Amino acid sequence: MRSYNSDSARRAFIPCVNVVLTIPLLMLTTSPAVAYVGPGLGAGTLGVILGLLGSVLLALFAFFWYPIKRALFGNKAEKEQEDDYDYPAEEVTAAAEPPRKTEDA
């Protein structure tokens, strides 16, 4: 089995150092772009940024609000299901039957 000495580790580390040092130097040597950003492009960019920010905030709000709402106010479907079991079976079946015709009416 081959053992790795410090020379092979040093050889693997040198390209990483070169990249880390080269990128900031290249960023410092760039010249500003001579370009016109008109009101249409600026408003469109601003709209995209605000739309993305709004959608992220809305997603976070929905993710955190619904569990909080359920904890505070309870689940309506569960409450309705509990209410169904509160009544005796005779009252439930009597309420479900249509009214009978009498001879007086």
C-alpha atoms as a PDB file:
ATOM      1  CA  MET A   1       0.000   0.000   0.000  1.00  0.00           C
ATOM      2  CA  ARG A   2       1.305   3.431  -0.919  1.00  0.00           C
ATOM      3  CA  SER A   3       1.856   5.982   1.808  1.00  0.00           C
ATOM      4  CA  TYR A   4       1.540   9.674   1.085  1.00  0.00           C
ATOM      5  CA  ASN A   5       4.340  11.919   2.224  1.00  0.00           C
ATOM      6  CA  SER A   6       4.279  15.653   2.748  1.00  0.00           C
ATOM      7  CA  ASP A   7       5.553  16.346  -0.801  1.00  0.00           C
ATOM      8  CA  SER A   8       2.387  14.984  -2.421  1.00  0.00           C
ATOM      9  CA  ALA A   9       0.191  16.967  -0.013  1.00  0.00           C
ATOM     10  CA  ARG A  10       2.210  20.105  -0.756  1.00  0.00           C
ATOM     11  CA  ARG A  11       1.845  19.543  -4.503  1.00  0.00           C
ATOM     12  CA  ALA A  12      -1.944  19.259  -4.124  1.00  0.00           C
ATOM     13  CA  PHE A  13      -2.075  22.426  -2.002  1.00  0.00           C
ATOM     14  CA  ILE A  14      -0.092  24.681  -4.368  1.00  0.00           C
ATOM     15  CA  PRO A  15      -2.786  24.900  -7.127  1.00  0.00           C
ATOM     16  CA  CYS A  16      -5.370  25.905  -4.517  1.00  0.00           C
ATOM     17  CA  VAL A  17      -3.123  28.716  -3.279  1.00  0.00           C
ATOM     18  CA  ASN A  18      -2.517  29.859  -6.844  1.00  0.00           C
ATOM     19  CA  VAL A  19      -6.242  30.095  -7.540  1.00  0.00           C
ATOM     20  CA  VAL A  20      -6.983  31.880  -4.267  1.00  0.00           C
ATOM     21  CA  LEU A  21      -4.272  34.474  -4.979  1.00  0.00           C
ATOM     22  CA  THR A  22      -4.954  34.875  -8.712  1.00  0.00           C
ATOM     23  CA  ILE A  23      -8.701  35.598  -8.584  1.00  0.00           C
ATOM     24  CA  PRO A  24      -8.478  38.680  -6.301  1.00  0.00           C
ATOM     25  CA  LEU A  25      -5.580  40.067  -8.364  1.00  0.00           C
ATOM     26  CA  LEU A  26      -7.609  39.685 -11.561  1.00  0.00           C
ATOM     27  CA  MET A  27     -10.577  41.376  -9.919  1.00  0.00           C
ATOM     28  CA  LEU A  28      -8.410  44.363  -8.985  1.00  0.00           C
ATOM     29  CA  THR A  29      -7.144  44.806 -12.546  1.00  0.00           C
ATOM     30  CA  THR A  30     -10.564  44.959 -14.221  1.00  0.00           C
ATOM     31  CA  SER A  31     -11.664  48.181 -15.839  1.00  0.00           C
ATOM     32  CA  PRO A  32     -15.175  49.605 -15.429  1.00  0.00           C
ATOM     33  CA  ALA A  33     -17.650  48.740 -18.148  1.00  0.00           C
ATOM     34  CA  VAL A  34     -18.699  51.625 -20.334  1.00  0.00           C
ATOM     35  CA  ALA A  35     -22.374  50.802 -20.625  1.00  0.00           C
ATOM     36  CA  TYR A  36     -25.652  52.679 -20.373  1.00  0.00           C
ATOM     37  CA  VAL A  37     -28.277  51.333 -18.000  1.00  0.00           C
ATOM     38  CA  GLY A  38     -31.482  53.054 -18.984  1.00  0.00           C
ATOM     39  CA  PRO A  39     -34.606  53.462 -16.889  1.00  0.00           C
ATOM     40  CA  GLY A  40     -36.267  50.411 -18.447  1.00  0.00           C
ATOM     41  CA  LEU A  41     -33.417  48.066 -17.617  1.00  0.00           C
ATOM     42  CA  GLY A  42     -33.014  49.577 -14.159  1.00  0.00           C
ATOM     43  CA  ALA A  43     -36.724  49.262 -13.360  1.00  0.00           C
ATOM     44  CA  GLY A  44     -36.787  45.691 -14.674  1.00  0.00           C
ATOM     45  CA  THR A  45     -33.776  44.748 -12.571  1.00  0.00           C
ATOM     46  CA  LEU A  46     -35.310  46.375  -9.514  1.00  0.00           C
ATOM     47  CA  GLY A  47     -38.586  44.526 -10.172  1.00  0.00           C
ATOM     48  CA  VAL A  48     -36.818  41.173 -10.415  1.00  0.00           C
ATOM     49  CA  ILE A  49     -34.873  41.794  -7.210  1.00  0.00           C
ATOM     50  CA  LEU A  50     -37.996  42.895  -5.311  1.00  0.00           C
ATOM     51  CA  GLY A  51     -39.975  39.959  -6.713  1.00  0.00           C
ATOM     52  CA  LEU A  52     -37.373  37.427  -5.606  1.00  0.00           C
ATOM     53  CA  LEU A  53     -37.065  39.040  -2.190  1.00  0.00           C
ATOM     54  CA  GLY A  54     -40.845  39.129  -1.788  1.00  0.00           C
ATOM     55  CA  SER A  55     -41.265  35.489  -2.785  1.00  0.00           C
ATOM     56  CA  VAL A  56     -38.582  34.375  -0.321  1.00  0.00           C
ATOM     57  CA  LEU A  57     -40.179  36.410   2.483  1.00  0.00           C
ATOM     58  CA  LEU A  58     -43.635  35.068   1.630  1.00  0.00           C
ATOM     59  CA  ALA A  59     -42.340  31.491   1.626  1.00  0.00           C
ATOM     60  CA  LEU A  60     -40.695  31.996   5.025  1.00  0.00           C
ATOM     61  CA  PHE A  61     -43.866  33.601   6.390  1.00  0.00           C
ATOM     62  CA  ALA A  62     -46.021  30.706   5.181  1.00  0.00           C
ATOM     63  CA  PHE A  63     -43.543  28.140   6.462  1.00  0.00           C
ATOM     64  CA  PHE A  64     -43.563  29.589   9.972  1.00  0.00           C
ATOM     65  CA  TRP A  65     -47.093  31.063  10.212  1.00  0.00           C
ATOM     66  CA  TYR A  66     -49.234  27.975   9.573  1.00  0.00           C
ATOM     67  CA  PRO A  67     -47.733  25.842  12.365  1.00  0.00           C
ATOM     68  CA  ILE A  68     -48.011  28.814  14.740  1.00  0.00           C
ATOM     69  CA  LYS A  69     -51.612  29.402  13.672  1.00  0.00           C
ATOM     70  CA  ARG A  70     -52.474  25.750  14.199  1.00  0.00           C
ATOM     71  CA  ALA A  71     -50.889  25.814  17.664  1.00  0.00           C
ATOM     72  CA  LEU A  72     -52.736  28.992  18.658  1.00  0.00           C
ATOM     73  CA  PHE A  73     -56.167  28.399  17.163  1.00  0.00           C
ATOM     74  CA  GLY A  74     -56.255  24.637  16.721  1.00  0.00           C
ATOM     75  CA  ASN A  75     -57.290  22.626  13.719  1.00  0.00           C
ATOM     76  CA  LYS A  76     -60.859  23.332  12.588  1.00  0.00           C
ATOM     77  CA  ALA A  77     -61.284  19.912  10.976  1.00  0.00           C
ATOM     78  CA  GLU A  78     -60.298  18.180  14.207  1.00  0.00           C
ATOM     79  CA  LYS A  79     -62.774  20.298  16.188  1.00  0.00           C
ATOM     80  CA  GLU A  80     -65.611  19.443  13.794  1.00  0.00           C
ATOM     81  CA  GLN A  81     -64.738  15.776  14.048  1.00  0.00           C
ATOM     82  CA  GLU A  82     -64.801  15.995  17.853  1.00  0.00           C
ATOM     83  CA  ASP A  83     -68.194  17.753  17.723  1.00  0.00           C
ATOM     84  CA  ASP A  84     -69.684  14.853  15.734  1.00  0.00           C
ATOM     85  CA  TYR A  85     -68.912  12.449  18.567  1.00  0.00           C
ATOM     86  CA  ASP A  86     -70.529  14.626  21.265  1.00  0.00           C
ATOM     87  CA  TYR A  87     -74.110  13.794  20.245  1.00  0.00           C
ATOM     88  CA  PRO A  88     -75.881  10.514  21.034  1.00  0.00           C
ATOM     89  CA  ALA A  89     -76.604   8.280  18.062  1.00  0.00           C
ATOM     90  CA  GLU A  90     -80.406   8.725  18.349  1.00  0.00           C
ATOM     91  CA  GLU A  91     -80.259  12.501  17.918  1.00  0.00           C
ATOM     92  CA  VAL A  92     -77.925  12.233  14.944  1.00  0.00           C
ATOM     93  CA  THR A  93     -80.172   9.758  13.111  1.00  0.00           C
ATOM     94  CA  ALA A  94     -83.321  11.732  13.981  1.00  0.00           C
ATOM     95  CA  ALA A  95     -81.792  14.913  12.614  1.00  0.00           C
ATOM     96  CA  ALA A  96     -80.725  13.148   9.419  1.00  0.00           C
ATOM     97  CA  GLU A  97     -84.228  11.802   8.639  1.00  0.00           C
ATOM     98  CA  PRO A  98     -86.577  14.006   6.609  1.00  0.00           C
ATOM     99  CA  PRO A  99     -89.694  15.264   8.406  1.00  0.00           C
ATOM    100  CA  ARG A 100     -92.698  12.938   8.113  1.00  0.00           C
ATOM    101  CA  LYS A 101     -95.970  14.082   6.614  1.00  0.00           C
ATOM    102  CA  THR A 102     -98.866  14.299   8.992  1.00  0.00           C
ATOM    103  CA  GLU A 103    -102.550  14.246   8.184  1.00  0.00           C
ATOM    104  CA  ASP A 104    -103.087  17.691   9.673  1.00  0.00           C
ATOM    105  CA  ALA A 105    -100.984  19.420   7.032  1.00  0.00           C
END
